[in-house]
Amino acid sequence: MSQVNFLAYYKTFEDDIDKLSRYIEISEDNFKVYSIELTRLYLSICSEVDVIMKLLCGLLTDNQSKPKNMAGYLDIVVEHIPDFVGQEVRCSGLKEDFKPWAEVTKDQRPSWWVYHNKVKHDRSENYAKANLNNVLLALAGLFTVIVHYEYRNKYPGIDKQHWGSIDDTLRSVHTACKRFQILNYPFAYIPME
């Protein structure tokens, strides 16, 4: 079985956003803009969120739990990483920071995830929900999931009471991914000499 490089795949989304920025300014003023390309990105990014969340849940539960949807994923992730939903993500070039998981409660999913399902299942009615804001929120959400997955994948078997700082993982992620930064750990982005 070949090893999938999820970080490299994530990087393609950042590259797509960079290409997109030649035509649509990545700015709060354009958050309502939607297009075929944004729809493609939105559906692809959210699909990757689903894949990595499932893998992260496997790491968190030693594959003892196999949730089938976002509600199940979030139950596990929030139980094992309580500060996950509060994490703020800075996107280069924007004034406002994202909190892609802040809306999560026991009964509620992030609106960008809910809209993704609406776009996926009824695009004709919900096409405008595949807008720049939701694409960036989804990508910020994917970034946080990738960071936690990479960290737990890099340090398997470490009891959660003994998890060290996440800064080495963030540094390695940040060398490949430039658009986002998790604000809870700003020291981790200081370049290593």
N, C-alpha and C. Protein backbone atom coordinates (compact mmCIF):
# COMPACT_ATOMS: atom_id res chain seq x y z
N MET A 1 0.85 -1.17 0.00
CA MET A 1 0.00 0.00 0.00
C MET A 1 0.90 1.24 0.00
N SER A 2 0.61 2.16 -0.89
CA SER A 2 1.43 3.37 -0.98
C SER A 2 1.01 4.39 0.08
N GLN A 3 1.97 5.20 0.49
CA GLN A 3 1.72 6.23 1.49
C GLN A 3 1.25 7.50 0.79
N VAL A 4 0.13 8.05 1.23
CA VAL A 4 -0.41 9.28 0.65
C VAL A 4 0.19 10.46 1.39
N ASN A 5 0.67 11.46 0.65
CA ASN A 5 1.21 12.67 1.26
C ASN A 5 0.09 13.71 1.32
N PHE A 6 -0.62 13.73 2.44
CA PHE A 6 -1.77 14.62 2.58
C PHE A 6 -1.35 16.08 2.59
N LEU A 7 -0.17 16.36 3.09
CA LEU A 7 0.33 17.73 3.11
C LEU A 7 0.56 18.24 1.68
N ALA A 8 1.11 17.40 0.83
CA ALA A 8 1.34 17.78 -0.57
C ALA A 8 0.00 18.02 -1.27
N TYR A 9 -0.99 17.19 -0.97
CA TYR A 9 -2.31 17.36 -1.57
C TYR A 9 -2.94 18.66 -1.09
N TYR A 10 -2.82 18.94 0.20
CA TYR A 10 -3.31 20.21 0.75
C TYR A 10 -2.66 21.39 0.03
N LYS A 11 -1.36 21.28 -0.20
CA LYS A 11 -0.61 22.36 -0.84
C LYS A 11 -1.19 22.70 -2.21
N THR A 12 -1.72 21.70 -2.91
CA THR A 12 -2.33 21.98 -4.22
C THR A 12 -3.53 22.92 -4.08
N PHE A 13 -4.24 22.82 -2.96
CA PHE A 13 -5.36 23.74 -2.74
C PHE A 13 -4.86 25.17 -2.53
N GLU A 14 -3.80 25.30 -1.75
CA GLU A 14 -3.21 26.64 -1.58
C GLU A 14 -2.73 27.19 -2.93
N ASP A 15 -2.11 26.34 -3.73
CA ASP A 15 -1.66 26.77 -5.06
C ASP A 15 -2.84 27.21 -5.92
N ASP A 16 -3.95 26.48 -5.84
CA ASP A 16 -5.15 26.86 -6.59
C ASP A 16 -5.68 28.22 -6.14
N ILE A 17 -5.64 28.48 -4.84
CA ILE A 17 -6.08 29.79 -4.32
C ILE A 17 -5.14 30.89 -4.84
N ASP A 18 -3.85 30.61 -4.85
CA ASP A 18 -2.89 31.60 -5.38
C ASP A 18 -3.17 31.91 -6.85
N LYS A 19 -3.46 30.88 -7.65
CA LYS A 19 -3.80 31.10 -9.06
C LYS A 19 -5.10 31.89 -9.18
N LEU A 20 -6.06 31.53 -8.35
CA LEU A 20 -7.35 32.20 -8.35
C LEU A 20 -7.20 33.69 -8.03
N SER A 21 -6.21 34.01 -7.20
CA SER A 21 -6.03 35.41 -6.77
C SER A 21 -5.62 36.32 -7.93
N ARG A 22 -5.24 35.76 -9.05
CA ARG A 22 -4.96 36.57 -10.24
C ARG A 22 -6.25 37.13 -10.83
N TYR A 23 -7.38 36.50 -10.53
CA TYR A 23 -8.68 36.89 -11.10
C TYR A 23 -9.65 37.43 -10.06
N ILE A 24 -9.53 36.91 -8.85
CA ILE A 24 -10.38 37.36 -7.74
C ILE A 24 -9.46 37.74 -6.60
N GLU A 25 -9.52 38.98 -6.19
CA GLU A 25 -8.71 39.42 -5.05
C GLU A 25 -9.16 38.66 -3.81
N ILE A 26 -8.20 38.07 -3.10
CA ILE A 26 -8.52 37.35 -1.86
C ILE A 26 -8.69 38.42 -0.78
N SER A 27 -9.93 38.85 -0.64
CA SER A 27 -10.26 39.99 0.21
C SER A 27 -11.68 39.81 0.76
N GLU A 28 -11.90 40.37 1.93
CA GLU A 28 -13.23 40.32 2.54
C GLU A 28 -14.28 40.92 1.61
N ASP A 29 -13.89 41.90 0.79
CA ASP A 29 -14.83 42.52 -0.15
C ASP A 29 -15.40 41.53 -1.15
N ASN A 30 -14.68 40.45 -1.40
CA ASN A 30 -15.09 39.46 -2.41
C ASN A 30 -15.61 38.15 -1.81
N PHE A 31 -15.90 38.14 -0.53
CA PHE A 31 -16.31 36.89 0.12
C PHE A 31 -17.58 36.28 -0.48
N LYS A 32 -18.45 37.06 -1.07
CA LYS A 32 -19.70 36.53 -1.64
C LYS A 32 -19.54 36.05 -3.09
N VAL A 33 -18.35 36.24 -3.69
CA VAL A 33 -18.12 35.82 -5.08
C VAL A 33 -18.18 34.30 -5.18
N TYR A 34 -18.87 33.81 -6.19
CA TYR A 34 -18.93 32.37 -6.44
C TYR A 34 -18.68 32.11 -7.92
N SER A 35 -18.26 30.90 -8.23
CA SER A 35 -17.94 30.55 -9.61
C SER A 35 -17.81 29.04 -9.74
N ILE A 36 -17.66 28.59 -10.95
CA ILE A 36 -17.43 27.16 -11.20
C ILE A 36 -16.14 26.71 -10.52
N GLU A 37 -15.09 27.51 -10.64
CA GLU A 37 -13.80 27.15 -10.04
C GLU A 37 -13.90 27.10 -8.52
N LEU A 38 -14.59 28.05 -7.92
CA LEU A 38 -14.77 28.02 -6.47
C LEU A 38 -15.60 26.81 -6.04
N THR A 39 -16.58 26.43 -6.85
CA THR A 39 -17.38 25.24 -6.55
C THR A 39 -16.50 24.00 -6.58
N ARG A 40 -15.66 23.88 -7.59
CA ARG A 40 -14.76 22.74 -7.71
C ARG A 40 -13.85 22.66 -6.49
N LEU A 41 -13.27 23.80 -6.13
CA LEU A 41 -12.38 23.84 -4.96
C LEU A 41 -13.14 23.48 -3.68
N TYR A 42 -14.29 24.04 -3.51
CA TYR A 42 -15.10 23.81 -2.31
C TYR A 42 -15.40 22.33 -2.12
N LEU A 43 -15.89 21.69 -3.17
CA LEU A 43 -16.23 20.28 -3.07
C LEU A 43 -14.98 19.42 -2.82
N SER A 44 -13.88 19.77 -3.46
CA SER A 44 -12.63 19.01 -3.29
C SER A 44 -12.05 19.19 -1.89
N ILE A 45 -12.03 20.42 -1.41
CA ILE A 45 -11.49 20.69 -0.08
C ILE A 45 -12.31 19.97 0.98
N CYS A 46 -13.63 20.07 0.89
CA CYS A 46 -14.49 19.43 1.89
C CYS A 46 -14.38 17.91 1.83
N SER A 47 -14.18 17.37 0.65
CA SER A 47 -13.94 15.93 0.54
C SER A 47 -12.67 15.53 1.28
N GLU A 48 -11.64 16.36 1.17
CA GLU A 48 -10.39 16.08 1.87
C GLU A 48 -10.55 16.25 3.38
N VAL A 49 -11.36 17.21 3.81
CA VAL A 49 -11.67 17.36 5.24
C VAL A 49 -12.26 16.05 5.76
N ASP A 50 -13.20 15.49 5.01
CA ASP A 50 -13.83 14.23 5.40
C ASP A 50 -12.79 13.10 5.54
N VAL A 51 -11.90 13.00 4.56
CA VAL A 51 -10.87 11.95 4.57
C VAL A 51 -9.95 12.09 5.78
N ILE A 52 -9.43 13.30 6.01
CA ILE A 52 -8.46 13.51 7.09
C ILE A 52 -9.12 13.42 8.46
N MET A 53 -10.35 13.90 8.58
CA MET A 53 -11.06 13.77 9.87
C MET A 53 -11.21 12.29 10.24
N LYS A 54 -11.55 11.47 9.27
CA LYS A 54 -11.69 10.03 9.52
C LYS A 54 -10.36 9.44 9.99
N LEU A 55 -9.27 9.82 9.33
CA LEU A 55 -7.94 9.33 9.71
C LEU A 55 -7.53 9.85 11.09
N LEU A 56 -7.81 11.12 11.36
CA LEU A 56 -7.49 11.70 12.67
C LEU A 56 -8.24 10.95 13.77
N CYS A 57 -9.51 10.65 13.53
CA CYS A 57 -10.28 9.90 14.52
C CYS A 57 -9.66 8.53 14.76
N GLY A 58 -9.16 7.91 13.71
CA GLY A 58 -8.48 6.63 13.86
C GLY A 58 -7.25 6.74 14.74
N LEU A 59 -6.47 7.81 14.54
CA LEU A 59 -5.29 8.01 15.38
C LEU A 59 -5.67 8.29 16.83
N LEU A 60 -6.72 9.06 17.03
CA LEU A 60 -7.13 9.44 18.38
C LEU A 60 -7.71 8.27 19.17
N THR A 61 -8.30 7.30 18.48
CA THR A 61 -8.96 6.19 19.17
C THR A 61 -8.28 4.85 18.91
N ASP A 62 -7.06 4.88 18.37
CA ASP A 62 -6.36 3.64 18.01
C ASP A 62 -7.24 2.74 17.14
N ASN A 63 -7.97 3.37 16.23
CA ASN A 63 -8.87 2.69 15.29
C ASN A 63 -9.97 1.89 15.98
N GLN A 64 -10.29 2.24 17.22
CA GLN A 64 -11.36 1.56 17.94
C GLN A 64 -12.73 2.10 17.57
N SER A 65 -12.77 3.32 17.05
CA SER A 65 -14.04 3.94 16.68
C SER A 65 -14.00 4.26 15.19
N LYS A 66 -15.09 4.01 14.50
CA LYS A 66 -15.15 4.26 13.07
C LYS A 66 -16.38 5.12 12.74
N PRO A 67 -16.29 6.42 13.05
CA PRO A 67 -17.44 7.28 12.76
C PRO A 67 -17.68 7.38 11.26
N LYS A 68 -18.91 7.65 10.89
CA LYS A 68 -19.28 7.65 9.48
C LYS A 68 -19.60 9.03 8.91
N ASN A 69 -19.64 10.05 9.77
CA ASN A 69 -19.99 11.38 9.29
C ASN A 69 -19.36 12.45 10.16
N MET A 70 -19.56 13.70 9.78
CA MET A 70 -18.93 14.81 10.47
C MET A 70 -19.36 14.88 11.94
N ALA A 71 -20.60 14.58 12.24
CA ALA A 71 -21.04 14.60 13.64
C ALA A 71 -20.22 13.61 14.46
N GLY A 72 -20.03 12.42 13.94
CA GLY A 72 -19.23 11.41 14.65
C GLY A 72 -17.77 11.81 14.75
N TYR A 73 -17.21 12.37 13.67
CA TYR A 73 -15.81 12.83 13.71
C TYR A 73 -15.63 13.87 14.79
N LEU A 74 -16.53 14.85 14.80
CA LEU A 74 -16.39 15.96 15.74
C LEU A 74 -16.56 15.51 17.19
N ASP A 75 -17.43 14.55 17.44
CA ASP A 75 -17.56 14.03 18.80
C ASP A 75 -16.22 13.52 19.30
N ILE A 76 -15.53 12.76 18.46
CA ILE A 76 -14.23 12.19 18.85
C ILE A 76 -13.16 13.26 18.96
N VAL A 77 -13.08 14.13 17.95
CA VAL A 77 -12.02 15.15 17.94
C VAL A 77 -12.18 16.09 19.13
N VAL A 78 -13.38 16.55 19.41
CA VAL A 78 -13.59 17.47 20.53
C VAL A 78 -13.31 16.79 21.86
N GLU A 79 -13.63 15.51 21.97
CA GLU A 79 -13.33 14.77 23.21
C GLU A 79 -11.82 14.70 23.45
N HIS A 80 -11.05 14.47 22.41
CA HIS A 80 -9.60 14.29 22.54
C HIS A 80 -8.80 15.58 22.41
N ILE A 81 -9.36 16.56 21.71
CA ILE A 81 -8.67 17.85 21.50
C ILE A 81 -9.66 18.95 21.84
N PRO A 82 -9.89 19.21 23.13
CA PRO A 82 -10.94 20.16 23.53
C PRO A 82 -10.78 21.57 22.96
N ASP A 83 -9.55 22.02 22.72
CA ASP A 83 -9.37 23.38 22.20
C ASP A 83 -9.50 23.45 20.67
N PHE A 84 -9.80 22.34 20.02
CA PHE A 84 -9.89 22.28 18.56
C PHE A 84 -10.89 23.29 18.01
N VAL A 85 -12.08 23.35 18.59
CA VAL A 85 -13.13 24.22 18.03
C VAL A 85 -12.82 25.71 18.21
N GLY A 86 -11.97 26.05 19.14
CA GLY A 86 -11.64 27.45 19.37
C GLY A 86 -10.42 27.95 18.61
N GLN A 87 -9.79 27.09 17.86
CA GLN A 87 -8.56 27.50 17.21
C GLN A 87 -8.82 28.56 16.13
N GLU A 88 -8.00 29.61 16.21
CA GLU A 88 -8.07 30.69 15.23
C GLU A 88 -6.99 30.49 14.19
N VAL A 89 -7.35 30.80 12.95
CA VAL A 89 -6.43 30.62 11.84
C VAL A 89 -6.31 31.95 11.10
N ARG A 90 -5.09 32.39 10.94
CA ARG A 90 -4.83 33.61 10.20
C ARG A 90 -4.55 33.25 8.75
N CYS A 91 -5.19 33.97 7.85
CA CYS A 91 -4.99 33.79 6.42
C CYS A 91 -4.23 35.01 5.90
N SER A 92 -3.09 34.76 5.28
CA SER A 92 -2.28 35.88 4.80
C SER A 92 -3.09 36.74 3.84
N GLY A 93 -2.99 38.04 4.03
CA GLY A 93 -3.67 39.00 3.18
C GLY A 93 -5.04 39.43 3.65
N LEU A 94 -5.58 38.77 4.68
CA LEU A 94 -6.91 39.13 5.18
C LEU A 94 -6.80 39.81 6.53
N LYS A 95 -7.73 40.72 6.80
CA LYS A 95 -7.74 41.43 8.08
C LYS A 95 -8.33 40.58 9.19
N GLU A 96 -9.38 39.85 8.87
CA GLU A 96 -10.08 39.03 9.87
C GLU A 96 -9.47 37.63 9.92
N ASP A 97 -9.43 37.06 11.11
CA ASP A 97 -8.97 35.69 11.28
C ASP A 97 -10.17 34.76 11.20
N PHE A 98 -9.91 33.51 10.86
CA PHE A 98 -10.96 32.51 10.76
C PHE A 98 -10.99 31.66 12.02
N LYS A 99 -12.18 31.24 12.40
CA LYS A 99 -12.39 30.21 13.41
C LYS A 99 -13.28 29.16 12.74
N PRO A 100 -12.66 28.29 11.92
CA PRO A 100 -13.48 27.41 11.07
C PRO A 100 -14.36 26.42 11.83
N TRP A 101 -14.03 26.12 13.07
CA TRP A 101 -14.79 25.13 13.82
C TRP A 101 -15.58 25.75 14.97
N ALA A 102 -15.61 27.06 15.08
CA ALA A 102 -16.20 27.75 16.24
C ALA A 102 -17.70 27.48 16.42
N GLU A 103 -18.40 27.19 15.37
CA GLU A 103 -19.86 26.97 15.47
C GLU A 103 -20.22 25.58 16.00
N VAL A 104 -19.23 24.74 16.15
CA VAL A 104 -19.48 23.34 16.51
C VAL A 104 -20.02 23.24 17.93
N THR A 105 -21.14 22.56 18.04
CA THR A 105 -21.71 22.14 19.31
C THR A 105 -22.11 20.68 19.14
N LYS A 106 -22.66 20.10 20.16
CA LYS A 106 -23.11 18.69 20.08
C LYS A 106 -24.10 18.51 18.93
N ASP A 107 -24.91 19.53 18.65
CA ASP A 107 -25.95 19.41 17.63
C ASP A 107 -25.70 20.24 16.37
N GLN A 108 -24.58 20.93 16.31
CA GLN A 108 -24.37 21.85 15.18
C GLN A 108 -23.01 21.63 14.54
N ARG A 109 -23.00 21.67 13.22
CA ARG A 109 -21.77 21.58 12.42
C ARG A 109 -21.42 22.98 11.91
N PRO A 110 -20.20 23.18 11.47
CA PRO A 110 -19.85 24.50 10.92
C PRO A 110 -20.72 24.80 9.70
N SER A 111 -21.12 26.05 9.55
CA SER A 111 -21.99 26.41 8.42
C SER A 111 -21.33 26.09 7.08
N TRP A 112 -20.00 26.26 6.98
CA TRP A 112 -19.34 25.96 5.71
C TRP A 112 -19.48 24.49 5.36
N TRP A 113 -19.55 23.60 6.37
CA TRP A 113 -19.75 22.18 6.11
C TRP A 113 -21.20 21.90 5.70
N VAL A 114 -22.13 22.54 6.38
CA VAL A 114 -23.55 22.38 6.05
C VAL A 114 -23.80 22.86 4.63
N TYR A 115 -23.26 24.03 4.27
CA TYR A 115 -23.43 24.56 2.91
C TYR A 115 -22.77 23.65 1.88
N HIS A 116 -21.64 23.07 2.23
CA HIS A 116 -20.98 22.13 1.32
C HIS A 116 -21.93 20.99 0.96
N ASN A 117 -22.60 20.43 1.96
CA ASN A 117 -23.54 19.35 1.68
C ASN A 117 -24.70 19.82 0.81
N LYS A 118 -25.14 21.05 1.02
CA LYS A 118 -26.22 21.59 0.19
C LYS A 118 -25.75 21.78 -1.24
N VAL A 119 -24.54 22.28 -1.42
CA VAL A 119 -23.99 22.45 -2.77
C VAL A 119 -23.81 21.09 -3.43
N LYS A 120 -23.32 20.13 -2.68
CA LYS A 120 -23.06 18.79 -3.22
C LYS A 120 -24.36 18.10 -3.65
N HIS A 121 -25.42 18.23 -2.84
CA HIS A 121 -26.65 17.48 -3.11
C HIS A 121 -27.71 18.26 -3.88
N ASP A 122 -27.61 19.58 -3.89
CA ASP A 122 -28.61 20.39 -4.62
C ASP A 122 -27.94 21.67 -5.12
N ARG A 123 -27.03 21.48 -6.05
CA ARG A 123 -26.22 22.60 -6.53
C ARG A 123 -27.05 23.70 -7.18
N SER A 124 -28.10 23.34 -7.89
CA SER A 124 -28.89 24.36 -8.59
C SER A 124 -29.51 25.36 -7.61
N GLU A 125 -29.88 24.90 -6.44
CA GLU A 125 -30.46 25.79 -5.43
C GLU A 125 -29.43 26.48 -4.55
N ASN A 126 -28.23 25.93 -4.47
CA ASN A 126 -27.24 26.41 -3.49
C ASN A 126 -25.91 26.80 -4.11
N TYR A 127 -25.88 27.03 -5.39
CA TYR A 127 -24.64 27.33 -6.11
C TYR A 127 -23.89 28.51 -5.50
N ALA A 128 -24.59 29.55 -5.07
CA ALA A 128 -23.95 30.75 -4.52
C ALA A 128 -23.28 30.49 -3.16
N LYS A 129 -23.57 29.36 -2.52
CA LYS A 129 -22.92 29.02 -1.25
C LYS A 129 -21.47 28.56 -1.46
N ALA A 130 -21.12 28.23 -2.70
CA ALA A 130 -19.74 27.86 -3.01
C ALA A 130 -18.98 29.15 -3.30
N ASN A 131 -18.95 30.01 -2.30
CA ASN A 131 -18.34 31.33 -2.46
C ASN A 131 -16.94 31.36 -1.83
N LEU A 132 -16.25 32.45 -2.07
CA LEU A 132 -14.87 32.59 -1.59
C LEU A 132 -14.78 32.43 -0.08
N ASN A 133 -15.71 33.00 0.66
CA ASN A 133 -15.68 32.89 2.12
C ASN A 133 -15.75 31.43 2.56
N ASN A 134 -16.69 30.68 2.02
CA ASN A 134 -16.83 29.28 2.43
C ASN A 134 -15.64 28.44 1.98
N VAL A 135 -15.08 28.75 0.83
CA VAL A 135 -13.89 28.03 0.37
C VAL A 135 -12.74 28.28 1.33
N LEU A 136 -12.53 29.53 1.73
CA LEU A 136 -11.43 29.84 2.64
C LEU A 136 -11.67 29.26 4.03
N LEU A 137 -12.91 29.29 4.50
CA LEU A 137 -13.23 28.65 5.79
C LEU A 137 -12.96 27.15 5.75
N ALA A 138 -13.38 26.52 4.66
CA ALA A 138 -13.14 25.08 4.50
C ALA A 138 -11.65 24.78 4.46
N LEU A 139 -10.89 25.61 3.74
CA LEU A 139 -9.45 25.40 3.66
C LEU A 139 -8.78 25.64 5.01
N ALA A 140 -9.24 26.63 5.76
CA ALA A 140 -8.72 26.86 7.11
C ALA A 140 -9.07 25.67 8.01
N GLY A 141 -10.28 25.13 7.84
CA GLY A 141 -10.67 23.94 8.60
C GLY A 141 -9.79 22.75 8.25
N LEU A 142 -9.53 22.56 6.96
CA LEU A 142 -8.65 21.48 6.53
C LEU A 142 -7.25 21.67 7.10
N PHE A 143 -6.77 22.90 7.10
CA PHE A 143 -5.44 23.18 7.64
C PHE A 143 -5.33 22.74 9.10
N THR A 144 -6.33 23.07 9.91
CA THR A 144 -6.27 22.68 11.32
C THR A 144 -6.30 21.16 11.48
N VAL A 145 -7.09 20.49 10.67
CA VAL A 145 -7.17 19.03 10.74
C VAL A 145 -5.84 18.41 10.31
N ILE A 146 -5.25 18.94 9.25
CA ILE A 146 -3.95 18.45 8.76
C ILE A 146 -2.89 18.60 9.85
N VAL A 147 -2.85 19.75 10.51
CA VAL A 147 -1.85 19.99 11.56
C VAL A 147 -1.99 18.94 12.67
N HIS A 148 -3.22 18.73 13.13
CA HIS A 148 -3.43 17.76 14.21
C HIS A 148 -3.16 16.33 13.73
N TYR A 149 -3.53 16.02 12.52
CA TYR A 149 -3.25 14.69 11.99
C TYR A 149 -1.74 14.47 11.87
N GLU A 150 -1.03 15.44 11.29
CA GLU A 150 0.42 15.30 11.12
C GLU A 150 1.11 15.16 12.48
N TYR A 151 0.66 15.91 13.46
CA TYR A 151 1.26 15.85 14.79
C TYR A 151 1.06 14.46 15.41
N ARG A 152 -0.16 13.98 15.37
CA ARG A 152 -0.41 12.68 15.99
C ARG A 152 0.17 11.53 15.17
N ASN A 153 0.29 11.72 13.88
CA ASN A 153 0.92 10.72 13.04
C ASN A 153 2.44 10.69 13.25
N LYS A 154 3.01 11.86 13.52
CA LYS A 154 4.45 11.98 13.74
C LYS A 154 4.86 11.40 15.09
N TYR A 155 3.98 11.52 16.08
CA TYR A 155 4.27 11.05 17.43
C TYR A 155 3.23 10.01 17.87
N PRO A 156 3.18 8.86 17.19
CA PRO A 156 2.15 7.87 17.53
C PRO A 156 2.40 7.24 18.89
N GLY A 157 1.31 6.88 19.54
CA GLY A 157 1.42 6.14 20.79
C GLY A 157 1.74 6.98 22.01
N ILE A 158 1.87 8.29 21.84
CA ILE A 158 2.15 9.12 23.01
C ILE A 158 0.84 9.37 23.75
N ASP A 159 0.83 9.01 25.01
CA ASP A 159 -0.34 9.21 25.84
C ASP A 159 -0.70 10.70 25.85
N LYS A 160 -1.99 11.02 25.76
CA LYS A 160 -2.37 12.42 25.59
C LYS A 160 -1.93 13.31 26.76
N GLN A 161 -1.73 12.76 27.95
CA GLN A 161 -1.23 13.58 29.05
C GLN A 161 0.23 13.98 28.82
N HIS A 162 0.91 13.29 27.92
CA HIS A 162 2.32 13.56 27.68
C HIS A 162 2.60 14.17 26.32
N TRP A 163 1.56 14.64 25.64
CA TRP A 163 1.80 15.30 24.37
C TRP A 163 2.62 16.56 24.63
N GLY A 164 3.68 16.68 23.92
CA GLY A 164 4.54 17.86 24.04
C GLY A 164 4.01 19.00 23.21
N SER A 165 4.86 19.96 22.96
CA SER A 165 4.42 21.09 22.16
C SER A 165 4.29 20.65 20.71
N ILE A 166 3.46 21.35 20.01
CA ILE A 166 3.14 21.01 18.63
C ILE A 166 4.02 21.82 17.67
N ASP A 167 4.97 22.60 18.22
CA ASP A 167 5.70 23.55 17.39
C ASP A 167 6.52 22.92 16.28
N ASP A 168 7.16 21.77 16.51
CA ASP A 168 7.94 21.14 15.44
C ASP A 168 7.05 20.75 14.26
N THR A 169 5.88 20.22 14.56
CA THR A 169 4.94 19.86 13.49
C THR A 169 4.51 21.10 12.74
N LEU A 170 4.18 22.17 13.46
CA LEU A 170 3.76 23.40 12.79
C LEU A 170 4.86 23.96 11.91
N ARG A 171 6.09 23.89 12.37
CA ARG A 171 7.20 24.39 11.56
C ARG A 171 7.31 23.60 10.27
N SER A 172 7.20 22.27 10.36
CA SER A 172 7.32 21.46 9.14
C SER A 172 6.13 21.69 8.22
N VAL A 173 4.93 21.84 8.77
CA VAL A 173 3.76 22.13 7.94
C VAL A 173 3.91 23.49 7.28
N HIS A 174 4.39 24.46 8.06
CA HIS A 174 4.48 25.82 7.54
C HIS A 174 5.54 25.97 6.44
N THR A 175 6.52 25.10 6.40
CA THR A 175 7.49 25.19 5.31
C THR A 175 6.84 24.86 3.97
N ALA A 176 5.80 24.03 3.99
CA ALA A 176 5.09 23.67 2.76
C ALA A 176 3.89 24.57 2.53
N CYS A 177 3.23 25.00 3.58
CA CYS A 177 1.97 25.72 3.47
C CYS A 177 2.14 27.13 4.02
N LYS A 178 1.94 28.11 3.18
CA LYS A 178 2.24 29.49 3.54
C LYS A 178 1.01 30.34 3.84
N ARG A 179 -0.16 29.94 3.40
CA ARG A 179 -1.32 30.82 3.48
C ARG A 179 -1.90 30.93 4.89
N PHE A 180 -1.88 29.85 5.67
CA PHE A 180 -2.53 29.84 6.97
C PHE A 180 -1.54 29.66 8.12
N GLN A 181 -1.95 30.15 9.28
CA GLN A 181 -1.17 30.01 10.51
C GLN A 181 -2.15 29.87 11.66
N ILE A 182 -1.96 28.86 12.50
CA ILE A 182 -2.81 28.70 13.68
C ILE A 182 -2.31 29.67 14.74
N LEU A 183 -3.18 30.55 15.20
CA LEU A 183 -2.76 31.63 16.10
C LEU A 183 -2.46 31.16 17.51
N ASN A 184 -2.98 30.02 17.91
CA ASN A 184 -2.72 29.51 19.25
C ASN A 184 -1.24 29.20 19.47
N TYR A 185 -0.48 29.04 18.39
CA TYR A 185 0.91 28.63 18.48
C TYR A 185 1.82 29.53 17.65
N PRO A 186 1.79 30.84 17.83
CA PRO A 186 2.55 31.73 16.94
C PRO A 186 4.05 31.52 17.02
N PHE A 187 4.57 31.08 18.16
CA PHE A 187 6.01 30.90 18.31
C PHE A 187 6.53 29.81 17.37
N ALA A 188 5.68 28.91 16.98
CA ALA A 188 6.12 27.78 16.16
C ALA A 188 6.49 28.20 14.74
N TYR A 189 6.10 29.41 14.35
CA TYR A 189 6.36 29.84 12.99
C TYR A 189 7.65 30.64 12.86
N ILE A 190 8.37 30.81 13.97
CA ILE A 190 9.65 31.50 13.91
C ILE A 190 10.61 30.59 13.16
N PRO A 191 11.23 31.10 12.09
CA PRO A 191 12.11 30.23 11.30
C PRO A 191 13.24 29.65 12.16
N MET A 192 13.49 28.38 11.93
CA MET A 192 14.57 27.73 12.66
C MET A 192 15.88 28.07 11.97
N GLU A 193 16.92 28.30 12.77
CA GLU A 193 18.24 28.63 12.21
C GLU A 193 18.93 27.37 11.75
